[in-house]
Amino acid sequence: MELEELFSYRRSTRMYEKQQITEEQLQKILEAAQNAPLAVGNRPKARLTVVQDPELLDEIRGCCQTESRKNPGVIRDSLYGAPTLILVSETSLSEDRIELCDAACIIENMMLEATGLGLGCCYI
């Protein structure tokens, strides 16, 4: 897929199929994360946590439920039914908090790879 085409397909997905992504797709997404341009350079502080266990995802959903802005009183699934959740976290933050920019670069690389693979994704 050409870069311009990739950008045109890139959207935030808010409804997912129940089918799990393949191990090969997951590995490509994680490789894209490793290739993100980081300001911190060779001192990586980012941690990636992949959650695919349905019971654990349900627990996370239970902690993150929010009320719909469009339909007050209706509780929505903050994970939109996604069968895979990849958490990006930092082990520590420097005074200038540049690690947050690094996390954003990691997430963007993963989202572009997912789009290139024909998968939906959403930055939450």
PDB file of N, CA and C in Angstrom:
ATOM      1  N   MET A   1       0.855  -1.166   0.000  1.00  0.00           N
ATOM      2  CA  MET A   1       0.000   0.000   0.000  1.00  0.00           C
ATOM      3  C   MET A   1       0.905   1.234   0.000  1.00  0.00           C
ATOM      4  N   GLU A   2       0.617   2.161  -0.905  1.00  0.00           N
ATOM      5  CA  GLU A   2       1.372   3.408  -0.973  1.00  0.00           C
ATOM      6  C   GLU A   2       1.048   4.279   0.241  1.00  0.00           C
ATOM      7  N   LEU A   3       1.980   5.140   0.598  1.00  0.00           N
ATOM      8  CA  LEU A   3       1.826   5.971   1.797  1.00  0.00           C
ATOM      9  C   LEU A   3       0.557   6.828   1.744  1.00  0.00           C
ATOM     10  N   GLU A   4       0.300   7.464   0.613  1.00  0.00           N
ATOM     11  CA  GLU A   4      -0.894   8.313   0.494  1.00  0.00           C
ATOM     12  C   GLU A   4      -2.168   7.493   0.670  1.00  0.00           C
ATOM     13  N   GLU A   5      -2.150   6.278   0.115  1.00  0.00           N
ATOM     14  CA  GLU A   5      -3.302   5.392   0.248  1.00  0.00           C
ATOM     15  C   GLU A   5      -3.487   4.968   1.704  1.00  0.00           C
ATOM     16  N   LEU A   6      -2.372   4.682   2.370  1.00  0.00           N
ATOM     17  CA  LEU A   6      -2.414   4.312   3.785  1.00  0.00           C
ATOM     18  C   LEU A   6      -3.057   5.422   4.614  1.00  0.00           C
ATOM     19  N   PHE A   7      -2.660   6.657   4.371  1.00  0.00           N
ATOM     20  CA  PHE A   7      -3.237   7.789   5.100  1.00  0.00           C
ATOM     21  C   PHE A   7      -4.736   7.919   4.841  1.00  0.00           C
ATOM     22  N   SER A   8      -5.161   7.638   3.618  1.00  0.00           N
ATOM     23  CA  SER A   8      -6.584   7.785   3.306  1.00  0.00           C
ATOM     24  C   SER A   8      -7.435   6.710   3.976  1.00  0.00           C
ATOM     25  N   TYR A   9      -6.841   5.542   4.277  1.00  0.00           N
ATOM     26  CA  TYR A   9      -7.573   4.467   4.943  1.00  0.00           C
ATOM     27  C   TYR A   9      -7.539   4.570   6.465  1.00  0.00           C
ATOM     28  N   ARG A  10      -6.626   5.351   6.990  1.00  0.00           N
ATOM     29  CA  ARG A  10      -6.411   5.451   8.438  1.00  0.00           C
ATOM     30  C   ARG A  10      -7.606   6.128   9.102  1.00  0.00           C
ATOM     31  N   ARG A  11      -8.303   5.374   9.964  1.00  0.00           N
ATOM     32  CA  ARG A  11      -9.476   5.869  10.692  1.00  0.00           C
ATOM     33  C   ARG A  11      -9.464   5.310  12.107  1.00  0.00           C
ATOM     34  N   SER A  12     -10.189   5.929  12.999  1.00  0.00           N
ATOM     35  CA  SER A  12     -10.404   5.368  14.331  1.00  0.00           C
ATOM     36  C   SER A  12     -11.590   4.424  14.240  1.00  0.00           C
ATOM     37  N   THR A  13     -11.355   3.169  14.554  1.00  0.00           N
ATOM     38  CA  THR A  13     -12.394   2.146  14.489  1.00  0.00           C
ATOM     39  C   THR A  13     -13.082   2.060  15.842  1.00  0.00           C
ATOM     40  N   ARG A  14     -14.395   2.037  15.830  1.00  0.00           N
ATOM     41  CA  ARG A  14     -15.131   1.975  17.088  1.00  0.00           C
ATOM     42  C   ARG A  14     -16.118   0.807  17.129  1.00  0.00           C
ATOM     43  N   MET A  15     -15.840  -0.219  16.316  1.00  0.00           N
ATOM     44  CA  MET A  15     -16.597  -1.456  16.365  1.00  0.00           C
ATOM     45  C   MET A  15     -15.705  -2.533  15.742  1.00  0.00           C
ATOM     46  N   TYR A  16     -15.465  -3.597  16.490  1.00  0.00           N
ATOM     47  CA  TYR A  16     -14.544  -4.632  16.049  1.00  0.00           C
ATOM     48  C   TYR A  16     -15.236  -5.972  15.927  1.00  0.00           C
ATOM     49  N   GLU A  17     -14.676  -6.813  15.054  1.00  0.00           N
ATOM     50  CA  GLU A  17     -15.127  -8.192  14.965  1.00  0.00           C
ATOM     51  C   GLU A  17     -14.571  -8.944  16.165  1.00  0.00           C
ATOM     52  N   LYS A  18     -15.216 -10.018  16.536  1.00  0.00           N
ATOM     53  CA  LYS A  18     -14.764 -10.811  17.685  1.00  0.00           C
ATOM     54  C   LYS A  18     -13.527 -11.648  17.352  1.00  0.00           C
ATOM     55  N   GLN A  19     -13.275 -11.850  16.062  1.00  0.00           N
ATOM     56  CA  GLN A  19     -12.149 -12.684  15.635  1.00  0.00           C
ATOM     57  C   GLN A  19     -10.823 -12.045  16.058  1.00  0.00           C
ATOM     58  N   GLN A  20      -9.975 -12.855  16.686  1.00  0.00           N
ATOM     59  CA  GLN A  20      -8.668 -12.395  17.158  1.00  0.00           C
ATOM     60  C   GLN A  20      -7.721 -12.187  15.973  1.00  0.00           C
ATOM     61  N   ILE A  21      -6.828 -11.204  16.090  1.00  0.00           N
ATOM     62  CA  ILE A  21      -5.814 -11.024  15.065  1.00  0.00           C
ATOM     63  C   ILE A  21      -4.840 -12.203  15.131  1.00  0.00           C
ATOM     64  N   THR A  22      -4.138 -12.438  14.041  1.00  0.00           N
ATOM     65  CA  THR A  22      -3.203 -13.560  14.015  1.00  0.00           C
ATOM     66  C   THR A  22      -1.916 -13.190  14.753  1.00  0.00           C
ATOM     67  N   GLU A  23      -1.157 -14.205  15.111  1.00  0.00           N
ATOM     68  CA  GLU A  23       0.142 -13.973  15.760  1.00  0.00           C
ATOM     69  C   GLU A  23       1.072 -13.210  14.820  1.00  0.00           C
ATOM     70  N   GLU A  24       1.010 -13.516  13.543  1.00  0.00           N
ATOM     71  CA  GLU A  24       1.846 -12.816  12.553  1.00  0.00           C
ATOM     72  C   GLU A  24       1.486 -11.330  12.497  1.00  0.00           C
ATOM     73  N   GLN A  25       0.185 -11.015  12.496  1.00  0.00           N
ATOM     74  CA  GLN A  25      -0.239  -9.607  12.488  1.00  0.00           C
ATOM     75  C   GLN A  25       0.232  -8.903  13.750  1.00  0.00           C
ATOM     76  N   LEU A  26       0.072  -9.551  14.897  1.00  0.00           N
ATOM     77  CA  LEU A  26       0.514  -8.956  16.157  1.00  0.00           C
ATOM     78  C   LEU A  26       2.014  -8.682  16.126  1.00  0.00           C
ATOM     79  N   GLN A  27       2.795  -9.627  15.640  1.00  0.00           N
ATOM     80  CA  GLN A  27       4.245  -9.450  15.597  1.00  0.00           C
ATOM     81  C   GLN A  27       4.637  -8.290  14.689  1.00  0.00           C
ATOM     82  N   LYS A  28       3.951  -8.128  13.567  1.00  0.00           N
ATOM     83  CA  LYS A  28       4.243  -7.005  12.665  1.00  0.00           C
ATOM     84  C   LYS A  28       3.929  -5.673  13.347  1.00  0.00           C
ATOM     85  N   ILE A  29       2.843  -5.630  14.088  1.00  0.00           N
ATOM     86  CA  ILE A  29       2.481  -4.400  14.803  1.00  0.00           C
ATOM     87  C   ILE A  29       3.516  -4.095  15.878  1.00  0.00           C
ATOM     88  N   LEU A  30       3.965  -5.114  16.595  1.00  0.00           N
ATOM     89  CA  LEU A  30       4.970  -4.898  17.636  1.00  0.00           C
ATOM     90  C   LEU A  30       6.328  -4.514  17.036  1.00  0.00           C
ATOM     91  N   GLU A  31       6.654  -5.049  15.867  1.00  0.00           N
ATOM     92  CA  GLU A  31       7.890  -4.647  15.180  1.00  0.00           C
ATOM     93  C   GLU A  31       7.814  -3.179  14.764  1.00  0.00           C
ATOM     94  N   ALA A  32       6.645  -2.761  14.305  1.00  0.00           N
ATOM     95  CA  ALA A  32       6.474  -1.351  13.938  1.00  0.00           C
ATOM     96  C   ALA A  32       6.685  -0.459  15.158  1.00  0.00           C
ATOM     97  N   ALA A  33       6.208  -0.918  16.311  1.00  0.00           N
ATOM     98  CA  ALA A  33       6.406  -0.155  17.553  1.00  0.00           C
ATOM     99  C   ALA A  33       7.890  -0.016  17.856  1.00  0.00           C
ATOM    100  N   GLN A  34       8.644  -1.094  17.655  1.00  0.00           N
ATOM    101  CA  GLN A  34      10.079  -1.071  17.937  1.00  0.00           C
ATOM    102  C   GLN A  34      10.831  -0.153  16.987  1.00  0.00           C
ATOM    103  N   ASN A  35      10.274   0.113  15.822  1.00  0.00           N
ATOM    104  CA  ASN A  35      10.935   0.962  14.834  1.00  0.00           C
ATOM    105  C   ASN A  35      10.507   2.421  14.903  1.00  0.00           C
ATOM    106  N   ALA A  36       9.763   2.785  15.918  1.00  0.00           N
ATOM    107  CA  ALA A  36       9.308   4.170  16.055  1.00  0.00           C
ATOM    108  C   ALA A  36      10.495   5.095  16.328  1.00  0.00           C
ATOM    109  N   PRO A  37      10.439   6.312  15.793  1.00  0.00           N
ATOM    110  CA  PRO A  37      11.511   7.282  16.040  1.00  0.00           C
ATOM    111  C   PRO A  37      11.387   7.850  17.450  1.00  0.00           C
ATOM    112  N   LEU A  38      12.321   7.516  18.312  1.00  0.00           N
ATOM    113  CA  LEU A  38      12.249   7.929  19.711  1.00  0.00           C
ATOM    114  C   LEU A  38      13.238   9.053  20.015  1.00  0.00           C
ATOM    115  N   ALA A  39      12.785  10.032  20.756  1.00  0.00           N
ATOM    116  CA  ALA A  39      13.657  11.122  21.184  1.00  0.00           C
ATOM    117  C   ALA A  39      14.648  10.649  22.231  1.00  0.00           C
ATOM    118  N   VAL A  40      14.247   9.664  23.013  1.00  0.00           N
ATOM    119  CA  VAL A  40      15.093   9.173  24.091  1.00  0.00           C
ATOM    120  C   VAL A  40      16.211   8.290  23.540  1.00  0.00           C
ATOM    121  N   GLY A  41      16.108   7.892  22.261  1.00  0.00           N
ATOM    122  CA  GLY A  41      17.177   7.136  21.622  1.00  0.00           C
ATOM    123  C   GLY A  41      17.336   5.735  22.162  1.00  0.00           C
ATOM    124  N   ASN A  42      18.568   5.387  22.537  1.00  0.00           N
ATOM    125  CA  ASN A  42      18.846   4.008  22.942  1.00  0.00           C
ATOM    126  C   ASN A  42      18.565   3.751  24.418  1.00  0.00           C
ATOM    127  N   ARG A  43      17.821   4.617  25.072  1.00  0.00           N
ATOM    128  CA  ARG A  43      17.438   4.400  26.465  1.00  0.00           C
ATOM    129  C   ARG A  43      15.928   4.194  26.544  1.00  0.00           C
ATOM    130  N   PRO A  44      15.431   3.142  25.901  1.00  0.00           N
ATOM    131  CA  PRO A  44      13.975   2.966  25.856  1.00  0.00           C
ATOM    132  C   PRO A  44      13.372   2.788  27.245  1.00  0.00           C
ATOM    133  N   LYS A  45      12.328   3.533  27.488  1.00  0.00           N
ATOM    134  CA  LYS A  45      11.611   3.436  28.755  1.00  0.00           C
ATOM    135  C   LYS A  45      10.179   2.946  28.540  1.00  0.00           C
ATOM    136  N   ALA A  46       9.810   2.771  27.290  1.00  0.00           N
ATOM    137  CA  ALA A  46       8.447   2.355  26.977  1.00  0.00           C
ATOM    138  C   ALA A  46       8.272   0.860  27.194  1.00  0.00           C
ATOM    139  N   ARG A  47       7.081   0.491  27.636  1.00  0.00           N
ATOM    140  CA  ARG A  47       6.702  -0.906  27.819  1.00  0.00           C
ATOM    141  C   ARG A  47       5.407  -1.142  27.048  1.00  0.00           C
ATOM    142  N   LEU A  48       5.370  -2.259  26.338  1.00  0.00           N
ATOM    143  CA  LEU A  48       4.164  -2.645  25.617  1.00  0.00           C
ATOM    144  C   LEU A  48       3.564  -3.852  26.312  1.00  0.00           C
ATOM    145  N   THR A  49       2.276  -3.784  26.581  1.00  0.00           N
ATOM    146  CA  THR A  49       1.564  -4.880  27.218  1.00  0.00           C
ATOM    147  C   THR A  49       0.417  -5.275  26.300  1.00  0.00           C
ATOM    148  N   VAL A  50       0.431  -6.518  25.841  1.00  0.00           N
ATOM    149  CA  VAL A  50      -0.616  -7.018  24.958  1.00  0.00           C
ATOM    150  C   VAL A  50      -1.611  -7.803  25.794  1.00  0.00           C
ATOM    151  N   VAL A  51      -2.879  -7.437  25.676  1.00  0.00           N
ATOM    152  CA  VAL A  51      -3.946  -8.126  26.400  1.00  0.00           C
ATOM    153  C   VAL A  51      -4.895  -8.721  25.362  1.00  0.00           C
ATOM    154  N   GLN A  52      -5.017 -10.060  25.386  1.00  0.00           N
ATOM    155  CA  GLN A  52      -5.938 -10.744  24.491  1.00  0.00           C
ATOM    156  C   GLN A  52      -6.874 -11.692  25.237  1.00  0.00           C
ATOM    157  N   ASP A  53      -6.641 -11.884  26.514  1.00  0.00           N
ATOM    158  CA  ASP A  53      -7.480 -12.764  27.317  1.00  0.00           C
ATOM    159  C   ASP A  53      -8.860 -12.127  27.476  1.00  0.00           C
ATOM    160  N   PRO A  54      -9.924 -12.790  27.025  1.00  0.00           N
ATOM    161  CA  PRO A  54     -11.265 -12.209  27.089  1.00  0.00           C
ATOM    162  C   PRO A  54     -11.700 -11.819  28.504  1.00  0.00           C
ATOM    163  N   GLU A  55     -11.363 -12.632  29.497  1.00  0.00           N
ATOM    164  CA  GLU A  55     -11.766 -12.306  30.873  1.00  0.00           C
ATOM    165  C   GLU A  55     -11.065 -11.049  31.371  1.00  0.00           C
ATOM    166  N   LEU A  56      -9.781 -10.912  31.081  1.00  0.00           N
ATOM    167  CA  LEU A  56      -9.040  -9.722  31.496  1.00  0.00           C
ATOM    168  C   LEU A  56      -9.535  -8.487  30.740  1.00  0.00           C
ATOM    169  N   LEU A  57      -9.830  -8.649  29.464  1.00  0.00           N
ATOM    170  CA  LEU A  57     -10.393  -7.534  28.700  1.00  0.00           C
ATOM    171  C   LEU A  57     -11.724  -7.089  29.295  1.00  0.00           C
ATOM    172  N   ASP A  58     -12.545  -8.045  29.721  1.00  0.00           N
ATOM    173  CA  ASP A  58     -13.820  -7.694  30.355  1.00  0.00           C
ATOM    174  C   ASP A  58     -13.602  -6.935  31.665  1.00  0.00           C
ATOM    175  N   GLU A  59     -12.589  -7.333  32.434  1.00  0.00           N
ATOM    176  CA  GLU A  59     -12.276  -6.598  33.671  1.00  0.00           C
ATOM    177  C   GLU A  59     -11.860  -5.176  33.368  1.00  0.00           C
ATOM    178  N   ILE A  60     -11.025  -5.010  32.343  1.00  0.00           N
ATOM    179  CA  ILE A  60     -10.578  -3.666  31.947  1.00  0.00           C
ATOM    180  C   ILE A  60     -11.774  -2.848  31.482  1.00  0.00           C
ATOM    181  N   ARG A  61     -12.635  -3.460  30.683  1.00  0.00           N
ATOM    182  CA  ARG A  61     -13.840  -2.758  30.217  1.00  0.00           C
ATOM    183  C   ARG A  61     -14.682  -2.289  31.400  1.00  0.00           C
ATOM    184  N   GLY A  62     -14.815  -3.146  32.402  1.00  0.00           N
ATOM    185  CA  GLY A  62     -15.605  -2.800  33.580  1.00  0.00           C
ATOM    186  C   GLY A  62     -15.047  -1.596  34.314  1.00  0.00           C
ATOM    187  N   CYS A  63     -13.740  -1.447  34.302  1.00  0.00           N
ATOM    188  CA  CYS A  63     -13.099  -0.306  34.980  1.00  0.00           C
ATOM    189  C   CYS A  63     -13.155   0.969  34.154  1.00  0.00           C
ATOM    190  N   CYS A  64     -13.345   0.826  32.849  1.00  0.00           N
ATOM    191  CA  CYS A  64     -13.229   1.986  31.954  1.00  0.00           C
ATOM    192  C   CYS A  64     -14.545   2.395  31.301  1.00  0.00           C
ATOM    193  N   GLN A  65     -15.648   1.821  31.734  1.00  0.00           N
ATOM    194  CA  GLN A  65     -16.919   2.165  31.108  1.00  0.00           C
ATOM    195  C   GLN A  65     -17.239   3.639  31.324  1.00  0.00           C
ATOM    196  N   THR A  66     -17.802   4.240  30.288  1.00  0.00           N
ATOM    197  CA  THR A  66     -18.192   5.650  30.363  1.00  0.00           C
ATOM    198  C   THR A  66     -19.601   5.816  29.814  1.00  0.00           C
ATOM    199  N   GLU A  67     -20.191   6.922  30.172  1.00  0.00           N
ATOM    200  CA  GLU A  67     -21.524   7.230  29.677  1.00  0.00           C
ATOM    201  C   GLU A  67     -21.409   7.840  28.283  1.00  0.00           C
ATOM    202  N   SER A  68     -22.277   7.429  27.411  1.00  0.00           N
ATOM    203  CA  SER A  68     -22.291   7.941  26.049  1.00  0.00           C
ATOM    204  C   SER A  68     -22.633   9.424  26.047  1.00  0.00           C
ATOM    205  N   ARG A  69     -21.858  10.213  25.319  1.00  0.00           N
ATOM    206  CA  ARG A  69     -22.165  11.657  25.200  1.00  0.00           C
ATOM    207  C   ARG A  69     -23.389  11.874  24.333  1.00  0.00           C
ATOM    208  N   LYS A  70     -23.557  11.028  23.323  1.00  0.00           N
ATOM    209  CA  LYS A  70     -24.693  11.174  22.415  1.00  0.00           C
ATOM    210  C   LYS A  70     -25.990  10.677  23.037  1.00  0.00           C
ATOM    211  N   ASN A  71     -25.874   9.663  23.923  1.00  0.00           N
ATOM    212  CA  ASN A  71     -27.055   9.063  24.553  1.00  0.00           C
ATOM    213  C   ASN A  71     -26.859   9.016  26.061  1.00  0.00           C
ATOM    214  N   PRO A  72     -27.088  10.125  26.758  1.00  0.00           N
ATOM    215  CA  PRO A  72     -26.901  10.129  28.214  1.00  0.00           C
ATOM    216  C   PRO A  72     -27.676   8.996  28.879  1.00  0.00           C
ATOM    217  N   GLY A  73     -27.024   8.370  29.858  1.00  0.00           N
ATOM    218  CA  GLY A  73     -27.633   7.253  30.562  1.00  0.00           C
ATOM    219  C   GLY A  73     -27.252   5.904  29.972  1.00  0.00           C
ATOM    220  N   VAL A  74     -26.693   5.913  28.767  1.00  0.00           N
ATOM    221  CA  VAL A  74     -26.270   4.674  28.110  1.00  0.00           C
ATOM    222  C   VAL A  74     -24.773   4.500  28.351  1.00  0.00           C
ATOM    223  N   ILE A  75     -24.407   3.346  28.892  1.00  0.00           N
ATOM    224  CA  ILE A  75     -22.996   3.043  29.146  1.00  0.00           C
ATOM    225  C   ILE A  75     -22.411   2.412  27.888  1.00  0.00           C
ATOM    226  N   ARG A  76     -21.249   2.896  27.484  1.00  0.00           N
ATOM    227  CA  ARG A  76     -20.616   2.347  26.290  1.00  0.00           C
ATOM    228  C   ARG A  76     -19.330   1.609  26.651  1.00  0.00           C
ATOM    229  N   ASP A  77     -18.951   0.695  25.781  1.00  0.00           N
ATOM    230  CA  ASP A  77     -17.721  -0.074  25.932  1.00  0.00           C
ATOM    231  C   ASP A  77     -16.558   0.798  25.479  1.00  0.00           C
ATOM    232  N   SER A  78     -15.701   1.204  26.388  1.00  0.00           N
ATOM    233  CA  SER A  78     -14.574   2.075  26.057  1.00  0.00           C
ATOM    234  C   SER A  78     -13.555   1.405  25.149  1.00  0.00           C
ATOM    235  N   LEU A  79     -13.582   0.075  25.061  1.00  0.00           N
ATOM    236  CA  LEU A  79     -12.655  -0.641  24.173  1.00  0.00           C
ATOM    237  C   LEU A  79     -13.324  -1.028  22.855  1.00  0.00           C
ATOM    238  N   TYR A  80     -14.583  -0.675  22.701  1.00  0.00           N
ATOM    239  CA  TYR A  80     -15.330  -0.892  21.459  1.00  0.00           C
ATOM    240  C   TYR A  80     -15.356  -2.354  21.010  1.00  0.00           C
ATOM    241  N   GLY A  81     -15.227  -3.281  21.958  1.00  0.00           N
ATOM    242  CA  GLY A  81     -15.288  -4.695  21.623  1.00  0.00           C
ATOM    243  C   GLY A  81     -14.011  -5.257  21.020  1.00  0.00           C
ATOM    244  N   ALA A  82     -12.922  -4.517  21.085  1.00  0.00           N
ATOM    245  CA  ALA A  82     -11.663  -4.986  20.489  1.00  0.00           C
ATOM    246  C   ALA A  82     -11.185  -6.271  21.168  1.00  0.00           C
ATOM    247  N   PRO A  83     -10.759  -7.277  20.381  1.00  0.00           N
ATOM    248  CA  PRO A  83     -10.261  -8.518  20.970  1.00  0.00           C
ATOM    249  C   PRO A  83      -8.794  -8.437  21.403  1.00  0.00           C
ATOM    250  N   THR A  84      -8.103  -7.370  21.000  1.00  0.00           N
ATOM    251  CA  THR A  84      -6.708  -7.155  21.389  1.00  0.00           C
ATOM    252  C   THR A  84      -6.549  -5.719  21.867  1.00  0.00           C
ATOM    253  N   LEU A  85      -5.867  -5.570  22.982  1.00  0.00           N
ATOM    254  CA  LEU A  85      -5.550  -4.251  23.527  1.00  0.00           C
ATOM    255  C   LEU A  85      -4.045  -4.201  23.719  1.00  0.00           C
ATOM    256  N   ILE A  86      -3.399  -3.164  23.198  1.00  0.00           N
ATOM    257  CA  ILE A  86      -1.963  -2.979  23.414  1.00  0.00           C
ATOM    258  C   ILE A  86      -1.794  -1.703  24.215  1.00  0.00           C
ATOM    259  N   LEU A  87      -1.299  -1.855  25.419  1.00  0.00           N
ATOM    260  CA  LEU A  87      -1.060  -0.718  26.297  1.00  0.00           C
ATOM    261  C   LEU A  87       0.374  -0.252  26.119  1.00  0.00           C
ATOM    262  N   VAL A  88       0.557   1.049  25.979  1.00  0.00           N
ATOM    263  CA  VAL A  88       1.887   1.643  25.899  1.00  0.00           C
ATOM    264  C   VAL A  88       2.076   2.455  27.169  1.00  0.00           C
ATOM    265  N   SER A  89       3.094   2.111  27.932  1.00  0.00           N
ATOM    266  CA  SER A  89       3.357   2.821  29.185  1.00  0.00           C
ATOM    267  C   SER A  89       4.834   3.164  29.264  1.00  0.00           C
ATOM    268  N   GLU A  90       5.149   4.086  30.131  1.00  0.00           N
ATOM    269  CA  GLU A  90       6.529   4.520  30.340  1.00  0.00           C
ATOM    270  C   GLU A  90       6.957   4.134  31.747  1.00  0.00           C
ATOM    271  N   THR A  91       8.202   3.692  31.890  1.00  0.00           N
ATOM    272  CA  THR A  91       8.701   3.277  33.201  1.00  0.00           C
ATOM    273  C   THR A  91       8.994   4.468  34.094  1.00  0.00           C
ATOM    274  N   SER A  92       9.344   5.590  33.491  1.00  0.00           N
ATOM    275  CA  SER A  92       9.579   6.815  34.265  1.00  0.00           C
ATOM    276  C   SER A  92       9.521   7.996  33.311  1.00  0.00           C
ATOM    277  N   LEU A  93       9.292   9.160  33.867  1.00  0.00           N
ATOM    278  CA  LEU A  93       9.216  10.375  33.054  1.00  0.00           C
ATOM    279  C   LEU A  93      10.318  11.340  33.461  1.00  0.00           C
ATOM    280  N   SER A  94      10.955  11.919  32.462  1.00  0.00           N
ATOM    281  CA  SER A  94      11.960  12.945  32.729  1.00  0.00           C
ATOM    282  C   SER A  94      11.247  14.273  32.988  1.00  0.00           C
ATOM    283  N   GLU A  95      12.010  15.260  33.352  1.00  0.00           N
ATOM    284  CA  GLU A  95      11.426  16.567  33.679  1.00  0.00           C
ATOM    285  C   GLU A  95      10.652  17.155  32.501  1.00  0.00           C
ATOM    286  N   ASP A  96      11.177  16.974  31.287  1.00  0.00           N
ATOM    287  CA  ASP A  96      10.491  17.527  30.110  1.00  0.00           C
ATOM    288  C   ASP A  96       9.418  16.598  29.547  1.00  0.00           C
ATOM    289  N   ARG A  97       9.295  15.408  30.117  1.00  0.00           N
ATOM    290  CA  ARG A  97       8.265  14.424  29.744  1.00  0.00           C
ATOM    291  C   ARG A  97       8.301  14.027  28.268  1.00  0.00           C
ATOM    292  N   ILE A  98       9.493  14.028  27.695  1.00  0.00           N
ATOM    293  CA  ILE A  98       9.643  13.663  26.286  1.00  0.00           C
ATOM    294  C   ILE A  98       9.198  12.230  26.024  1.00  0.00           C
ATOM    295  N   GLU A  99       9.189  11.414  27.051  1.00  0.00           N
ATOM    296  CA  GLU A  99       8.762  10.021  26.906  1.00  0.00           C
ATOM    297  C   GLU A  99       7.304   9.919  26.445  1.00  0.00           C
ATOM    298  N   LEU A 100       6.491  10.914  26.763  1.00  0.00           N
ATOM    299  CA  LEU A 100       5.107  10.914  26.293  1.00  0.00           C
ATOM    300  C   LEU A 100       5.059  11.084  24.777  1.00  0.00           C
ATOM    301  N   CYS A 101       5.974  11.888  24.236  1.00  0.00           N
ATOM    302  CA  CYS A 101       6.080  12.030  22.778  1.00  0.00           C
ATOM    303  C   CYS A 101       6.531  10.712  22.161  1.00  0.00           C
ATOM    304  N   ASP A 102       7.479  10.046  22.817  1.00  0.00           N
ATOM    305  CA  ASP A 102       7.931   8.737  22.338  1.00  0.00           C
ATOM    306  C   ASP A 102       6.769   7.752  22.297  1.00  0.00           C
ATOM    307  N   ALA A 103       5.952   7.741  23.336  1.00  0.00           N
ATOM    308  CA  ALA A 103       4.797   6.833  23.380  1.00  0.00           C
ATOM    309  C   ALA A 103       3.850   7.132  22.218  1.00  0.00           C
ATOM    310  N   ALA A 104       3.650   8.407  21.919  1.00  0.00           N
ATOM    311  CA  ALA A 104       2.778   8.778  20.797  1.00  0.00           C
ATOM    312  C   ALA A 104       3.352   8.290  19.474  1.00  0.00           C
ATOM    313  N   CYS A 105       4.672   8.380  19.297  1.00  0.00           N
ATOM    314  CA  CYS A 105       5.315   7.871  18.074  1.00  0.00           C
ATOM    315  C   CYS A 105       5.147   6.360  17.964  1.00  0.00           C
ATOM    316  N   ILE A 106       5.280   5.662  19.064  1.00  0.00           N
ATOM    317  CA  ILE A 106       5.100   4.207  19.084  1.00  0.00           C
ATOM    318  C   ILE A 106       3.675   3.853  18.675  1.00  0.00           C
ATOM    319  N   ILE A 107       2.719   4.545  19.255  1.00  0.00           N
ATOM    320  CA  ILE A 107       1.313   4.276  18.957  1.00  0.00           C
ATOM    321  C   ILE A 107       1.008   4.559  17.484  1.00  0.00           C
ATOM    322  N   GLU A 108       1.504   5.662  16.964  1.00  0.00           N
ATOM    323  CA  GLU A 108       1.246   6.003  15.560  1.00  0.00           C
ATOM    324  C   GLU A 108       1.841   4.951  14.632  1.00  0.00           C
ATOM    325  N   ASN A 109       3.055   4.489  14.915  1.00  0.00           N
ATOM    326  CA  ASN A 109       3.647   3.429  14.094  1.00  0.00           C
ATOM    327  C   ASN A 109       2.786   2.170  14.126  1.00  0.00           C
ATOM    328  N   MET A 110       2.300   1.797  15.310  1.00  0.00           N
ATOM    329  CA  MET A 110       1.456   0.601  15.416  1.00  0.00           C
ATOM    330  C   MET A 110       0.160   0.781  14.639  1.00  0.00           C
ATOM    331  N   MET A 111      -0.422   1.970  14.713  1.00  0.00           N
ATOM    332  CA  MET A 111      -1.685   2.222  14.026  1.00  0.00           C
ATOM    333  C   MET A 111      -1.508   2.206  12.509  1.00  0.00           C
ATOM    334  N   LEU A 112      -0.407   2.758  12.024  1.00  0.00           N
ATOM    335  CA  LEU A 112      -0.157   2.720  10.582  1.00  0.00           C
ATOM    336  C   LEU A 112       0.065   1.291  10.103  1.00  0.00           C
ATOM    337  N   GLU A 113       0.795   0.495  10.883  1.00  0.00           N
ATOM    338  CA  GLU A 113       1.006  -0.917  10.518  1.00  0.00           C
ATOM    339  C   GLU A 113      -0.323  -1.668  10.515  1.00  0.00           C
ATOM    340  N   ALA A 114      -1.138  -1.457  11.540  1.00  0.00           N
ATOM    341  CA  ALA A 114      -2.442  -2.126  11.601  1.00  0.00           C
ATOM    342  C   ALA A 114      -3.291  -1.761  10.381  1.00  0.00           C
ATOM    343  N   THR A 115      -3.276  -0.494  10.013  1.00  0.00           N
ATOM    344  CA  THR A 115      -4.036  -0.055   8.837  1.00  0.00           C
ATOM    345  C   THR A 115      -3.506  -0.736   7.587  1.00  0.00           C
ATOM    346  N   GLY A 116      -2.180  -0.808   7.454  1.00  0.00           N
ATOM    347  CA  GLY A 116      -1.585  -1.473   6.315  1.00  0.00           C
ATOM    348  C   GLY A 116      -1.928  -2.946   6.229  1.00  0.00           C
ATOM    349  N   LEU A 117      -2.182  -3.550   7.380  1.00  0.00           N
ATOM    350  CA  LEU A 117      -2.582  -4.964   7.442  1.00  0.00           C
ATOM    351  C   LEU A 117      -4.089  -5.158   7.246  1.00  0.00           C
ATOM    352  N   GLY A 118      -4.815  -4.047   7.093  1.00  0.00           N
ATOM    353  CA  GLY A 118      -6.261  -4.136   6.924  1.00  0.00           C
ATOM    354  C   GLY A 118      -7.017  -4.298   8.225  1.00  0.00           C
ATOM    355  N   LEU A 119      -6.367  -3.941   9.346  1.00  0.00           N
ATOM    356  CA  LEU A 119      -6.993  -4.061  10.660  1.00  0.00           C
ATOM    357  C   LEU A 119      -7.484  -2.699  11.135  1.00  0.00           C
ATOM    358  N   GLY A 120      -8.522  -2.715  11.923  1.00  0.00           N
ATOM    359  CA  GLY A 120      -8.999  -1.493  12.536  1.00  0.00           C
ATOM    360  C   GLY A 120      -8.199  -1.196  13.788  1.00  0.00           C
ATOM    361  N   CYS A 121      -8.178   0.070  14.184  1.00  0.00           N
ATOM    362  CA  CYS A 121      -7.467   0.455  15.407  1.00  0.00           C
ATOM    363  C   CYS A 121      -8.040   1.782  15.905  1.00  0.00           C
ATOM    364  N   CYS A 122      -7.775   2.068  17.168  1.00  0.00           N
ATOM    365  CA  CYS A 122      -8.257   3.310  17.758  1.00  0.00           C
ATOM    366  C   CYS A 122      -7.318   3.712  18.894  1.00  0.00           C
ATOM    367  N   TYR A 123      -6.908   4.946  18.906  1.00  0.00           N
ATOM    368  CA  TYR A 123      -6.047   5.513  19.950  1.00  0.00           C
ATOM    369  C   TYR A 123      -6.950   5.899  21.112  1.00  0.00           C
ATOM    370  N   ILE A 124      -6.787   5.230  22.238  1.00  0.00           N
ATOM    371  CA  ILE A 124      -7.626   5.536  23.405  1.00  0.00           C
ATOM    372  C   ILE A 124      -6.749   6.075  24.508  1.00  0.00           C
TER     373      ILE A 124
END
